[in-house]
C-alpha atoms as a PDB file:
ATOM      1  CA  GLN A   1     -19.463 -11.532  10.771  1.00  0.00           C
ATOM      2  CA  VAL A   2     -16.979  -8.863   9.815  1.00  0.00           C
ATOM      3  CA  HIS A   3     -14.728  -9.645   6.886  1.00  0.00           C
ATOM      4  CA  PHE A   4     -11.907  -7.718   5.270  1.00  0.00           C
ATOM      5  CA  VAL A   5     -10.659  -9.113   1.965  1.00  0.00           C
ATOM      6  CA  GLU A   6      -7.488  -7.438   0.742  1.00  0.00           C
ATOM      7  CA  SER A   7      -6.241  -7.775  -2.826  1.00  0.00           C
ATOM      8  CA  GLY A   8      -3.918  -6.181  -5.348  1.00  0.00           C
ATOM      9  CA  GLY A   9      -0.545  -7.113  -3.921  1.00  0.00           C
ATOM     10  CA  GLY A  10       2.286  -8.624  -5.894  1.00  0.00           C
ATOM     11  CA  LEU A  11       5.909  -8.366  -6.909  1.00  0.00           C
ATOM     12  CA  VAL A  12       7.025  -4.959  -8.149  1.00  0.00           C
ATOM     13  CA  GLN A  13      10.363  -3.347  -8.885  1.00  0.00           C
ATOM     14  CA  PRO A  14      11.626  -0.422  -6.824  1.00  0.00           C
ATOM     15  CA  GLY A  15      10.003   2.768  -8.045  1.00  0.00           C
ATOM     16  CA  GLY A  16       6.914   0.934  -9.203  1.00  0.00           C
ATOM     17  CA  SER A  17       3.299   1.287  -8.153  1.00  0.00           C
ATOM     18  CA  LEU A  18       0.484  -0.896  -6.879  1.00  0.00           C
ATOM     19  CA  MET A  19      -3.148  -0.323  -5.992  1.00  0.00           C
ATOM     20  CA  LEU A  20      -4.513  -2.323  -3.089  1.00  0.00           C
ATOM     21  CA  SER A  21      -8.215  -2.853  -2.515  1.00  0.00           C
ATOM     22  CA  CYS A  22     -10.101  -3.980   0.561  1.00  0.00           C
ATOM     23  CA  ALA A  23     -13.634  -5.307   0.346  1.00  0.00           C
ATOM     24  CA  VAL A  24     -15.453  -4.860   3.627  1.00  0.00           C
ATOM     25  CA  SER A  25     -18.510  -6.798   4.740  1.00  0.00           C
ATOM     26  CA  GLY A  26     -20.407  -7.250   7.984  1.00  0.00           C
ATOM     27  CA  ILE A  27     -20.195  -3.618   9.068  1.00  0.00           C
ATOM     28  CA  THR A  28     -21.540  -0.321   7.799  1.00  0.00           C
ATOM     29  CA  LEU A  29     -18.406   1.201   6.368  1.00  0.00           C
ATOM     30  CA  ARG A  30     -19.524   4.831   6.672  1.00  0.00           C
ATOM     31  CA  PHE A  31     -19.662   4.458  10.470  1.00  0.00           C
ATOM     32  CA  ASN A  32     -15.991   3.463  10.727  1.00  0.00           C
ATOM     33  CA  SER A  33     -12.747   5.265  10.226  1.00  0.00           C
ATOM     34  CA  MET A  34     -10.510   2.912   8.287  1.00  0.00           C
ATOM     35  CA  ALA A  35      -6.816   2.268   7.991  1.00  0.00           C
ATOM     36  CA  TRP A  36      -4.194   0.256   6.188  1.00  0.00           C
ATOM     37  CA  TYR A  37      -1.595  -1.607   8.184  1.00  0.00           C
ATOM     38  CA  ARG A  38       1.429  -3.638   7.224  1.00  0.00           C
ATOM     39  CA  GLN A  39       3.577  -6.274   8.815  1.00  0.00           C
ATOM     40  CA  ALA A  40       7.054  -7.021   7.580  1.00  0.00           C
ATOM     41  CA  PRO A  41       8.847 -10.284   8.478  1.00  0.00           C
ATOM     42  CA  GLY A  42      10.071 -10.176  12.048  1.00  0.00           C
ATOM     43  CA  LYS A  43       8.385  -6.855  12.767  1.00  0.00           C
ATOM     44  CA  GLU A  44       5.220  -5.759  14.494  1.00  0.00           C
ATOM     45  CA  ARG A  45       2.190  -4.681  12.516  1.00  0.00           C
ATOM     46  CA  GLU A  46       2.133  -0.932  11.955  1.00  0.00           C
ATOM     47  CA  GLN A  47      -0.470   1.479  10.684  1.00  0.00           C
ATOM     48  CA  VAL A  48       0.607   3.275   7.514  1.00  0.00           C
ATOM     49  CA  ALA A  49      -2.500   5.296   6.632  1.00  0.00           C
ATOM     50  CA  ASN A  50      -5.920   6.126   8.019  1.00  0.00           C
ATOM     51  CA  ILE A  51      -8.959   7.882   6.626  1.00  0.00           C
ATOM     52  CA  SER A  52     -11.928   9.534   8.273  1.00  0.00           C
ATOM     53  CA  LEU A  53     -15.545   8.433   7.980  1.00  0.00           C
ATOM     54  CA  ARG A  54     -16.331  10.323   4.764  1.00  0.00           C
ATOM     55  CA  GLY A  55     -12.790  10.481   3.473  1.00  0.00           C
ATOM     56  CA  GLU A  56     -12.257  14.158   4.142  1.00  0.00           C
ATOM     57  CA  GLU A  57      -9.134  13.582   6.233  1.00  0.00           C
ATOM     58  CA  ALA A  58      -6.241  11.179   5.812  1.00  0.00           C
ATOM     59  CA  HIS A  59      -3.059  10.701   7.759  1.00  0.00           C
ATOM     60  CA  TYR A  60       0.092   8.796   6.896  1.00  0.00           C
ATOM     61  CA  SER A  61       3.100   7.432   8.660  1.00  0.00           C
ATOM     62  CA  ASP A  62       6.312   9.270   7.953  1.00  0.00           C
ATOM     63  CA  SER A  63       7.655   6.261   6.072  1.00  0.00           C
ATOM     64  CA  VAL A  64       4.958   6.454   3.367  1.00  0.00           C
ATOM     65  CA  LYS A  65       3.940  10.119   3.405  1.00  0.00           C
ATOM     66  CA  GLY A  66       4.017  11.596  -0.077  1.00  0.00           C
ATOM     67  CA  ARG A  67       4.039   8.166  -1.741  1.00  0.00           C
ATOM     68  CA  PHE A  68       0.837   6.424  -0.595  1.00  0.00           C
ATOM     69  CA  ILE A  69      -2.760   7.590  -0.910  1.00  0.00           C
ATOM     70  CA  ILE A  70      -5.671   6.095   1.016  1.00  0.00           C
ATOM     71  CA  ALA A  71      -9.206   6.382  -0.301  1.00  0.00           C
ATOM     72  CA  ARG A  72     -12.620   4.905   0.386  1.00  0.00           C
ATOM     73  CA  ASP A  73     -15.916   4.288  -1.373  1.00  0.00           C
ATOM     74  CA  ASN A  74     -18.575   3.875   1.288  1.00  0.00           C
ATOM     75  CA  ALA A  75     -21.281   3.049  -1.230  1.00  0.00           C
ATOM     76  CA  LYS A  76     -19.266   0.087  -2.502  1.00  0.00           C
ATOM     77  CA  SER A  77     -17.780  -0.839   0.900  1.00  0.00           C
ATOM     78  CA  LEU A  78     -14.269  -0.558  -0.484  1.00  0.00           C
ATOM     79  CA  VAL A  79     -11.067   0.936   0.859  1.00  0.00           C
ATOM     80  CA  TYR A  80      -8.047   1.562  -1.352  1.00  0.00           C
ATOM     81  CA  LEU A  81      -4.348   2.157  -0.947  1.00  0.00           C
ATOM     82  CA  GLU A  82      -2.473   3.601  -3.889  1.00  0.00           C
ATOM     83  CA  MET A  83       1.230   2.981  -3.471  1.00  0.00           C
ATOM     84  CA  ASN A  84       3.759   4.850  -5.578  1.00  0.00           C
ATOM     85  CA  ASN A  85       7.540   5.001  -5.740  1.00  0.00           C
ATOM     86  CA  LEU A  86       7.728   1.720  -3.860  1.00  0.00           C
ATOM     87  CA  LYS A  87      10.863   0.864  -1.954  1.00  0.00           C
ATOM     88  CA  PRO A  88      12.256  -2.496  -0.802  1.00  0.00           C
ATOM     89  CA  GLU A  89      11.412  -1.519   2.776  1.00  0.00           C
ATOM     90  CA  ASP A  90       7.734  -1.411   1.797  1.00  0.00           C
ATOM     91  CA  THR A  91       7.821  -5.197   1.476  1.00  0.00           C
ATOM     92  CA  ALA A  92       5.207  -6.560   3.875  1.00  0.00           C
ATOM     93  CA  VAL A  93       1.780  -8.097   4.172  1.00  0.00           C
ATOM     94  CA  TYR A  94      -0.789  -5.322   3.973  1.00  0.00           C
ATOM     95  CA  PHE A  95      -4.066  -5.380   5.884  1.00  0.00           C
ATOM     96  CA  CYS A  96      -7.061  -3.107   6.150  1.00  0.00           C
ATOM     97  CA  ASN A  97      -9.118  -2.721   9.304  1.00  0.00           C
ATOM     98  CA  ALA A  98     -10.831  -0.081  11.365  1.00  0.00           C
ATOM     99  CA  GLY A  99      -8.813   2.910  12.412  1.00  0.00           C
ATOM    100  CA  SER A 100      -9.106   1.756  16.015  1.00  0.00           C
ATOM    101  CA  VAL A 101      -7.247  -1.512  16.394  1.00  0.00           C
ATOM    102  CA  GLY A 102      -9.004  -4.333  18.154  1.00  0.00           C
ATOM    103  CA  LEU A 103     -12.562  -3.712  17.045  1.00  0.00           C
ATOM    104  CA  TYR A 104     -12.630  -6.343  14.310  1.00  0.00           C
ATOM    105  CA  PRO A 105     -10.715  -9.485  13.341  1.00  0.00           C
ATOM    106  CA  TRP A 106      -7.952  -9.281  10.771  1.00  0.00           C
ATOM    107  CA  GLY A 107      -8.241 -10.521   7.210  1.00  0.00           C
ATOM    108  CA  GLN A 108      -5.626 -12.551   5.375  1.00  0.00           C
ATOM    109  CA  GLY A 109      -3.853  -9.512   3.996  1.00  0.00           C
ATOM    110  CA  THR A 110      -2.137  -9.158   0.651  1.00  0.00           C
ATOM    111  CA  GLN A 111       1.589  -9.630   0.115  1.00  0.00           C
ATOM    112  CA  VAL A 112       3.572  -6.774  -1.392  1.00  0.00           C
ATOM    113  CA  THR A 113       7.138  -7.527  -2.406  1.00  0.00           C
ATOM    114  CA  VAL A 114       9.397  -4.781  -3.742  1.00  0.00           C
ATOM    115  CA  SER A 115      12.502  -6.211  -5.326  1.00  0.00           C
ATOM    116  CA  SER A 116      14.593  -5.956  -8.448  1.00  0.00           C
END
């Protein structure tokens, strides 16, 4: 079975930083492009960052470009999302999954709340 276990979320003030981690099991990570998604209350889930198989390419949504950094460690089956200069509109549940939606089930996600 494929499992994604996200962690690292929490409550942070605007302008603060968080580092999210995603532990992946049940698949060979190096064979999958990976991505981070988020879902805010009342909104659809959106992809905010994706990273290629070996990490040589990354792409970001306009809303997070320049503030978030996605990374991966295939040997440890981990995917990371470094989030800087957080804004209240970044408040959401964050998920990791394959870059192509629909291949694998979703994990529980990790809640990120940006508030003063």
